[in-house]
Amino acid sequence: MTINTEETGIIKATLQHCEDGTTDMLPELMRNPVTTYTDPENLKNEVDILFRKFPIIMGHVEQLAEAGSYFTNDEVGIPILVTRNNDGVIKAFLNVCRHRGARLTNEPCGKSKTFSCPYHKWTYDLNGKLRGLPQAAGFGDIDKSTLGLVELPAFERFGLIWVRPSTSDEPLDLDAWIAPLEEQLSSLNLENHTVFKEWSLDRNMNWHLALEGFQESYHFCGAHEHTACSAYLDNQSVWLDKFPHVRHSVPLPTVVTMKDQPTEDWDYRPHFMTQNYVFPCNYVQVMTDHVYIHTIIPTGIDTCIFKCMMLIPEAPETEKAERYWQKNYDVVRTVFNEDFEIGENIQKGLNTGTNTDFLFGRYEIGLHLGTKAIHEALAGRLGL
């Protein structure tokens, strides 16, 4: 059992809320224009900035366990190929041949020593270098060193694989970028976890509506009356601003058992669900004994993709363990679907003109913090 100063403070704040019947509150309300969810020009800016200039979690290290292991990703709107080279380093490239633009592979994942274009068999190694082309004499004295795959910044941190979906001459310091959440993410030991399930859903709603389902707990006992409501204290979350990221601690009813325990005996994780917003579109959702990695990507003004990986500490070796993790998976799919159905119904009413603004309450703190971070990025005031 380990607990840090930050988690001690969260427990103290939660116990005080329980005693006083209060919750974390901001001084003022916030209004968010409905055009955030309906304006195509706003979406274009979001894609160009949020989904091109910032690193996004795209996988788990288990998916690239060996040299030559690879997976592809098309959800962010550009074809990406992510692999591990022979030196054990994660590499990401545009999944585009430099000859005539064909995709190098259509497979979602696999293992290969090289990548060969299916059109004319131009072949690239695991570092993206052009190694060969049939009947090379027909291309004269072209410099093969200038025709390697276009590389994207890629990183392996906390057992997760991060890619920035654009090229840039400016360096990306991922460690500085994620530093506000470093203590939380490093403590999870995700590099020693295994992927139990992964899935992807196409939903008919603006990506903000999917994101916002994780940014407040005010809705738990409304949207999840018969599922998640009883599992957590009602709207008594504790929030930590990790700009541009956010740590959101949702207490279980068992948290009150620590009230009369010495501080040194406190144990944070068994009594909280922690929803870590990793700007701009990821959530690392920490349950008491497993973790979900969520990614929310816009595909249109009123459509998005929701991707999820369920990470567990070790592969189930018994039928009992398999049933246990399957039950957790089934529950979370049910709860998420409750959110998504509401989100899709909200989408249907967005263009009616009923609301010109959405009102964010004083205790819907994640909505405030997440929205402000997005606004800062779109205004060019949030860099890497």
Protein backbone atom coordinates (compact mmCIF):
# COMPACT_ATOMS: atom_id res chain seq x y z
CA MET A 1 0.00 0.00 0.00
CA THR A 2 1.39 3.38 -1.03
CA ILE A 3 -0.18 6.80 -0.82
CA ASN A 4 1.27 10.16 -1.82
CA THR A 5 0.64 13.66 -0.58
CA GLU A 6 -1.76 14.41 -3.43
CA GLU A 7 -3.92 11.39 -2.67
CA THR A 8 -3.87 12.14 1.06
CA GLY A 9 -5.27 15.57 0.22
CA ILE A 10 -7.99 14.06 -1.96
CA ILE A 11 -9.07 11.71 0.83
CA LYS A 12 -9.11 14.55 3.38
CA ALA A 13 -11.22 16.71 1.06
CA THR A 14 -13.62 13.84 0.38
CA LEU A 15 -14.09 13.01 4.06
CA GLN A 16 -14.72 16.69 4.79
CA HIS A 17 -17.34 16.80 2.02
CA CYS A 18 -18.99 13.71 3.51
CA GLU A 19 -19.10 15.32 6.93
CA ASP A 20 -20.36 18.68 5.69
CA GLY A 21 -22.63 17.44 2.89
CA THR A 22 -20.70 19.53 0.34
CA THR A 23 -18.72 19.02 -2.85
CA ASP A 24 -16.00 20.82 -4.82
CA MET A 25 -17.38 24.06 -6.29
CA LEU A 26 -16.13 26.84 -8.54
CA PRO A 27 -17.04 30.49 -7.89
CA GLU A 28 -19.08 30.97 -11.06
CA LEU A 29 -21.15 29.21 -13.70
CA MET A 30 -19.88 28.81 -17.24
CA ARG A 31 -21.78 29.14 -20.50
CA ASN A 32 -20.63 27.21 -23.55
CA PRO A 33 -22.12 28.27 -26.90
CA VAL A 34 -24.06 25.55 -28.72
CA THR A 35 -22.07 26.51 -31.82
CA THR A 36 -19.19 24.61 -30.18
CA TYR A 37 -21.13 21.48 -31.14
CA THR A 38 -22.67 22.61 -34.43
CA ASP A 39 -20.28 24.94 -36.29
CA PRO A 40 -18.32 23.14 -39.07
CA GLU A 41 -15.65 25.85 -39.03
CA ASN A 42 -15.11 25.29 -35.32
CA LEU A 43 -14.71 21.58 -35.95
CA LYS A 44 -12.17 22.24 -38.70
CA ASN A 45 -10.09 24.33 -36.31
CA GLU A 46 -10.33 21.61 -33.67
CA VAL A 47 -9.10 18.95 -36.08
CA ASP A 48 -6.28 21.17 -37.40
CA ILE A 49 -5.07 22.05 -33.91
CA LEU A 50 -6.25 19.58 -31.26
CA PHE A 51 -5.92 16.47 -33.44
CA ARG A 52 -2.73 17.39 -35.27
CA LYS A 53 -0.52 19.36 -32.90
CA PHE A 54 -0.85 17.38 -29.67
CA PRO A 55 0.14 13.81 -28.77
CA ILE A 56 -2.63 11.23 -28.59
CA ILE A 57 -2.58 7.83 -26.88
CA MET A 58 -2.92 5.24 -29.63
CA GLY A 59 -2.01 1.95 -28.04
CA HIS A 60 -0.50 -0.19 -25.29
CA VAL A 61 3.04 -1.59 -25.31
CA GLU A 62 1.69 -5.15 -25.39
CA GLN A 63 0.47 -4.44 -28.92
CA LEU A 64 4.09 -3.84 -29.99
CA ALA A 65 5.77 -6.48 -27.86
CA GLU A 66 8.44 -7.44 -30.40
CA ALA A 67 10.49 -5.87 -33.17
CA GLY A 68 8.36 -5.72 -36.30
CA SER A 69 5.08 -5.73 -34.42
CA TYR A 70 2.81 -3.03 -35.81
CA PHE A 71 -0.67 -1.58 -35.76
CA THR A 72 -2.43 0.94 -37.96
CA ASN A 73 -4.67 3.84 -37.03
CA ASP A 74 -6.98 5.80 -39.33
CA GLU A 75 -9.38 7.28 -36.79
CA VAL A 76 -7.71 10.69 -36.52
CA GLY A 77 -8.26 11.28 -40.23
CA ILE A 78 -4.84 10.36 -41.58
CA PRO A 79 -3.39 6.86 -42.15
CA ILE A 80 -0.81 6.03 -39.47
CA LEU A 81 1.47 3.00 -39.11
CA VAL A 82 3.07 2.40 -35.70
CA THR A 83 5.80 -0.21 -35.19
CA ARG A 84 8.78 -1.18 -33.02
CA ASN A 85 12.18 -1.25 -34.72
CA ASN A 86 15.02 -3.68 -34.17
CA ASP A 87 16.47 -1.46 -31.45
CA GLY A 88 13.22 -1.65 -29.49
CA VAL A 89 12.24 1.94 -30.29
CA ILE A 90 8.66 2.91 -31.16
CA LYS A 91 8.31 4.44 -34.62
CA ALA A 92 5.29 6.00 -36.30
CA PHE A 93 4.91 6.83 -39.98
CA LEU A 94 2.29 7.96 -42.42
CA ASN A 95 0.97 4.72 -43.92
CA VAL A 96 1.67 6.06 -47.41
CA CYS A 97 4.17 4.85 -50.02
CA ARG A 98 6.49 7.60 -51.30
CA HIS A 99 6.18 6.38 -54.89
CA ARG A 100 2.49 6.69 -55.79
CA GLY A 101 0.82 7.03 -52.40
CA ALA A 102 -0.57 3.53 -51.86
CA ARG A 103 -1.19 2.29 -48.32
CA LEU A 104 1.60 0.02 -47.19
CA THR A 105 -0.75 -2.20 -45.23
CA ASN A 106 -4.48 -2.46 -44.67
CA GLU A 107 -4.13 -4.84 -41.75
CA PRO A 108 -5.13 -3.47 -38.31
CA CYS A 109 -2.09 -5.16 -36.75
CA GLY A 110 0.56 -7.76 -37.45
CA LYS A 111 4.28 -8.42 -37.56
CA SER A 112 6.71 -7.83 -40.41
CA LYS A 113 10.45 -7.33 -40.96
CA THR A 114 9.73 -4.77 -43.67
CA PHE A 115 6.78 -2.92 -45.17
CA SER A 116 6.22 -3.42 -48.88
CA CYS A 117 3.82 -1.39 -50.98
CA PRO A 118 1.22 -3.69 -52.62
CA TYR A 119 1.17 -1.55 -55.78
CA HIS A 120 4.78 -1.59 -57.02
CA LYS A 121 6.59 -3.32 -54.15
CA TRP A 122 8.67 -0.42 -52.94
CA THR A 123 10.02 -1.73 -49.63
CA TYR A 124 10.80 0.08 -46.39
CA ASP A 125 12.54 -1.10 -43.22
CA LEU A 126 11.36 -0.64 -39.62
CA ASN A 127 13.03 2.78 -39.50
CA GLY A 128 11.09 3.92 -42.55
CA LYS A 129 14.08 3.88 -44.90
CA LEU A 130 13.50 2.95 -48.53
CA ARG A 131 15.46 -0.27 -48.97
CA GLY A 132 14.49 -1.41 -52.42
CA LEU A 133 12.37 -0.92 -55.51
CA PRO A 134 11.88 -3.27 -58.46
CA GLN A 135 13.63 -2.36 -61.71
CA ALA A 136 15.34 0.59 -60.08
CA ALA A 137 17.09 1.58 -63.31
CA GLY A 138 13.83 3.08 -64.51
CA PHE A 139 14.16 5.78 -61.86
CA GLY A 140 17.69 6.82 -62.72
CA ASP A 141 19.85 8.11 -59.92
CA ILE A 142 17.11 9.10 -57.45
CA ASP A 143 18.34 9.56 -53.89
CA LYS A 144 16.62 6.83 -51.90
CA SER A 145 17.51 8.60 -48.64
CA THR A 146 14.99 11.34 -49.50
CA LEU A 147 12.17 8.88 -50.15
CA GLY A 148 11.78 7.26 -46.77
CA LEU A 149 8.43 7.09 -45.04
CA VAL A 150 7.22 10.31 -43.47
CA GLU A 151 7.85 9.94 -39.74
CA LEU A 152 5.60 11.20 -36.96
CA PRO A 153 6.72 11.86 -33.38
CA ALA A 154 6.08 8.70 -31.34
CA PHE A 155 6.75 7.86 -27.70
CA GLU A 156 6.48 5.04 -25.21
CA ARG A 157 5.58 6.22 -21.71
CA PHE A 158 3.77 4.61 -18.76
CA GLY A 159 3.14 1.48 -20.83
CA LEU A 160 1.25 3.53 -23.42
CA ILE A 161 2.09 4.53 -26.99
CA TRP A 162 1.65 8.17 -27.94
CA VAL A 163 1.75 9.68 -31.43
CA ARG A 164 1.45 13.25 -32.64
CA PRO A 165 -0.48 13.03 -35.93
CA SER A 166 1.60 15.59 -37.82
CA THR A 167 5.16 16.34 -38.77
CA SER A 168 6.92 19.37 -37.38
CA ASP A 169 10.41 20.80 -37.18
CA GLU A 170 9.71 21.80 -33.57
CA PRO A 171 10.66 19.15 -30.98
CA LEU A 172 7.98 17.64 -28.77
CA ASP A 173 8.93 17.20 -25.10
CA LEU A 174 6.42 14.57 -24.05
CA ASP A 175 7.82 14.31 -20.53
CA ALA A 176 7.25 18.02 -19.90
CA TRP A 177 3.82 17.81 -21.53
CA ILE A 178 2.59 14.98 -19.34
CA ALA A 179 4.47 16.03 -16.18
CA PRO A 180 1.32 17.23 -14.34
CA LEU A 181 -0.02 13.64 -14.44
CA GLU A 182 3.32 11.84 -14.21
CA GLU A 183 2.96 10.74 -10.58
CA GLN A 184 -0.51 9.32 -11.17
CA LEU A 185 0.30 7.57 -14.46
CA SER A 186 3.64 6.12 -13.39
CA SER A 187 2.08 4.62 -10.25
CA LEU A 188 -0.29 2.47 -12.33
CA ASN A 189 2.43 0.18 -13.76
CA LEU A 190 0.47 -0.11 -16.99
CA GLU A 191 3.51 -1.54 -18.76
CA ASN A 192 2.87 -4.73 -16.75
CA HIS A 193 -0.82 -4.89 -17.63
CA THR A 194 -2.44 -6.83 -20.44
CA VAL A 195 -5.23 -5.89 -22.85
CA PHE A 196 -8.39 -7.80 -21.91
CA LYS A 197 -10.69 -6.13 -24.44
CA GLU A 198 -10.50 -3.33 -26.96
CA TRP A 199 -13.36 -1.93 -28.98
CA SER A 200 -14.38 0.96 -31.20
CA LEU A 201 -17.81 2.53 -31.58
CA ASP A 202 -19.17 4.95 -34.16
CA ARG A 203 -21.62 7.28 -32.42
CA ASN A 204 -23.96 9.91 -33.88
CA MET A 205 -22.98 12.87 -31.75
CA ASN A 206 -20.41 15.63 -31.63
CA TRP A 207 -17.18 14.48 -30.00
CA HIS A 208 -17.57 17.03 -27.18
CA LEU A 209 -20.74 15.29 -26.01
CA ALA A 210 -18.85 12.01 -25.64
CA LEU A 211 -15.94 13.73 -23.90
CA GLU A 212 -18.19 15.58 -21.47
CA GLY A 213 -19.65 12.36 -20.11
CA PHE A 214 -16.37 11.90 -18.23
CA GLN A 215 -16.07 15.51 -17.07
CA GLU A 216 -18.65 15.61 -14.29
CA SER A 217 -20.33 13.18 -11.90
CA TYR A 218 -23.50 15.26 -11.47
CA HIS A 219 -25.22 12.99 -14.01
CA PHE A 220 -24.41 9.66 -12.34
CA CYS A 221 -27.66 9.23 -10.45
CA GLY A 222 -29.73 10.51 -13.35
CA ALA A 223 -28.25 8.75 -16.35
CA HIS A 224 -27.09 5.71 -14.39
CA GLU A 225 -29.86 5.36 -11.83
CA HIS A 226 -29.89 1.56 -11.99
CA THR A 227 -26.20 0.98 -12.78
CA ALA A 228 -23.36 3.24 -11.63
CA CYS A 229 -25.30 5.49 -9.24
CA SER A 230 -25.13 3.27 -6.17
CA ALA A 231 -21.44 2.52 -6.73
CA TYR A 232 -20.30 6.10 -5.98
CA LEU A 233 -21.08 8.99 -3.67
CA ASP A 234 -23.56 11.31 -5.35
CA ASN A 235 -21.83 14.32 -6.94
CA GLN A 236 -19.03 14.54 -4.38
CA SER A 237 -16.04 14.44 -6.71
CA VAL A 238 -12.70 16.07 -5.98
CA TRP A 239 -10.97 17.87 -8.84
CA LEU A 240 -7.32 18.78 -9.39
CA ASP A 241 -6.44 21.15 -12.22
CA LYS A 242 -3.39 19.70 -14.01
CA PHE A 243 -3.63 22.14 -16.89
CA PRO A 244 -4.23 21.28 -19.61
CA HIS A 245 -5.05 17.89 -18.08
CA VAL A 246 -7.42 17.16 -15.18
CA ARG A 247 -7.53 14.64 -12.35
CA HIS A 248 -11.08 13.75 -11.32
CA SER A 249 -11.50 11.58 -8.22
CA VAL A 250 -14.93 9.95 -7.79
CA PRO A 251 -15.32 8.42 -4.30
CA LEU A 252 -16.90 5.08 -3.54
CA PRO A 253 -19.15 4.89 -0.43
CA THR A 254 -16.40 2.88 1.28
CA VAL A 255 -14.24 6.00 1.55
CA VAL A 256 -15.88 6.82 4.90
CA THR A 257 -14.23 3.75 6.46
CA MET A 258 -10.96 5.71 6.48
CA LYS A 259 -12.39 8.46 8.67
CA ASP A 260 -11.17 6.92 11.93
CA GLN A 261 -8.00 5.35 10.52
CA PRO A 262 -4.54 6.89 10.99
CA THR A 263 -3.45 8.78 7.88
CA GLU A 264 -0.53 6.42 7.39
CA ASP A 265 -3.00 3.54 6.99
CA TRP A 266 -5.01 5.23 4.24
CA ASP A 267 -5.15 3.54 0.85
CA TYR A 268 -6.48 5.66 -2.00
CA ARG A 269 -7.19 3.36 -4.93
CA PRO A 270 -9.67 0.88 -3.37
CA HIS A 271 -11.99 3.80 -2.56
CA PHE A 272 -11.92 5.89 -5.74
CA MET A 273 -12.49 5.81 -9.46
CA THR A 274 -10.01 8.27 -10.98
CA GLN A 275 -10.79 9.80 -14.36
CA ASN A 276 -7.63 11.40 -15.72
CA TYR A 277 -8.33 13.70 -18.67
CA VAL A 278 -5.26 13.65 -20.89
CA PHE A 279 -5.65 16.62 -23.21
CA PRO A 280 -7.02 16.77 -25.84
CA CYS A 281 -9.03 13.57 -26.31
CA ASN A 282 -7.91 10.77 -23.99
CA TYR A 283 -9.06 9.51 -20.64
CA VAL A 284 -7.09 7.17 -18.40
CA GLN A 285 -9.91 5.88 -16.21
CA VAL A 286 -8.56 4.07 -13.16
CA MET A 287 -10.88 1.64 -11.43
CA THR A 288 -10.05 -0.12 -8.16
CA ASP A 289 -8.26 -2.99 -9.90
CA HIS A 290 -8.11 -2.26 -13.63
CA VAL A 291 -7.82 0.64 -16.10
CA TYR A 292 -9.60 1.87 -19.22
CA ILE A 293 -7.91 3.97 -21.90
CA HIS A 294 -10.48 6.03 -23.83
CA THR A 295 -9.96 7.97 -27.03
CA ILE A 296 -12.64 10.21 -28.54
CA ILE A 297 -12.14 11.40 -32.13
CA PRO A 298 -14.46 13.57 -34.26
CA THR A 299 -15.41 12.18 -37.65
CA GLY A 300 -17.93 14.90 -38.51
CA ILE A 301 -19.82 17.72 -36.86
CA ASP A 302 -22.35 15.23 -35.49
CA THR A 303 -20.36 11.98 -35.45
CA CYS A 304 -17.41 10.61 -33.52
CA ILE A 305 -15.45 7.47 -32.77
CA PHE A 306 -15.13 6.20 -29.20
CA LYS A 307 -12.24 3.78 -28.72
CA CYS A 308 -11.49 1.91 -25.53
CA MET A 309 -8.92 -0.51 -24.16
CA MET A 310 -9.54 -2.43 -20.95
CA LEU A 311 -6.24 -3.13 -19.21
CA ILE A 312 -6.02 -5.71 -16.42
CA PRO A 313 -3.04 -6.62 -14.19
CA GLU A 314 -2.57 -10.10 -15.66
CA ALA A 315 -4.20 -12.39 -18.17
CA PRO A 316 -6.99 -14.49 -16.62
CA GLU A 317 -5.80 -18.04 -15.97
CA THR A 318 -9.04 -19.49 -14.62
CA GLU A 319 -12.67 -19.47 -15.68
CA LYS A 320 -13.48 -17.57 -12.48
CA ALA A 321 -11.03 -14.82 -13.38
CA GLU A 322 -12.36 -14.70 -16.94
CA ARG A 323 -15.93 -14.34 -15.65
CA TYR A 324 -14.86 -11.60 -13.23
CA TRP A 325 -13.23 -9.44 -15.89
CA GLN A 326 -16.00 -10.15 -18.39
CA LYS A 327 -18.54 -8.93 -15.84
CA ASN A 328 -16.61 -5.69 -15.40
CA TYR A 329 -16.46 -5.29 -19.15
CA ASP A 330 -20.21 -5.90 -19.51
CA VAL A 331 -20.99 -3.34 -16.81
CA VAL A 332 -18.88 -0.60 -18.34
CA ARG A 333 -20.32 -1.21 -21.80
CA THR A 334 -23.81 -0.84 -20.33
CA VAL A 335 -22.93 2.36 -18.46
CA PHE A 336 -21.21 3.93 -21.46
CA ASN A 337 -24.16 3.08 -23.69
CA GLU A 338 -26.46 4.93 -21.27
CA ASP A 339 -24.26 8.02 -21.74
CA PHE A 340 -24.06 7.62 -25.49
CA GLU A 341 -27.80 7.24 -25.97
CA ILE A 342 -28.34 10.49 -24.06
CA GLY A 343 -25.58 12.17 -26.08
CA GLU A 344 -27.14 11.13 -29.36
CA ASN A 345 -30.50 12.47 -28.23
CA ILE A 346 -28.85 15.77 -27.28
CA GLN A 347 -27.37 15.89 -30.78
CA LYS A 348 -30.83 15.59 -32.32
CA GLY A 349 -31.93 18.72 -30.48
CA LEU A 350 -28.88 20.89 -31.05
CA ASN A 351 -30.12 22.55 -34.24
CA THR A 352 -33.61 23.36 -32.94
CA GLY A 353 -32.49 26.66 -31.45
CA THR A 354 -33.88 25.69 -28.05
CA ASN A 355 -30.53 26.45 -26.45
CA THR A 356 -28.02 29.04 -27.57
CA ASP A 357 -25.69 28.11 -24.70
CA PHE A 358 -25.16 25.14 -22.42
CA LEU A 359 -24.90 25.94 -18.72
CA PHE A 360 -22.02 24.33 -16.79
CA GLY A 361 -22.78 24.22 -13.08
CA ARG A 362 -20.31 25.23 -10.39
CA TYR A 363 -19.66 21.60 -9.47
CA GLU A 364 -19.32 20.43 -13.09
CA ILE A 365 -15.69 21.37 -12.75
CA GLY A 366 -14.26 19.10 -15.43
CA LEU A 367 -16.44 20.82 -18.02
CA HIS A 368 -14.98 24.18 -17.00
CA LEU A 369 -11.37 23.01 -16.98
CA GLY A 370 -11.56 20.94 -20.16
CA THR A 371 -13.36 23.65 -22.10
CA LYS A 372 -10.91 26.34 -20.99
CA ALA A 373 -7.94 24.19 -22.05
CA ILE A 374 -9.49 23.61 -25.48
CA HIS A 375 -10.18 27.33 -25.87
CA GLU A 376 -6.56 28.13 -24.96
CA ALA A 377 -5.29 25.68 -27.57
CA LEU A 378 -7.59 26.95 -30.30
CA ALA A 379 -6.49 30.51 -29.52
CA GLY A 380 -2.85 29.52 -29.95
CA ARG A 381 -1.99 30.02 -26.29
CA LEU A 382 -1.27 26.35 -25.47
CA GLY A 383 1.93 24.93 -26.88
CA LEU A 384 4.18 21.94 -26.35
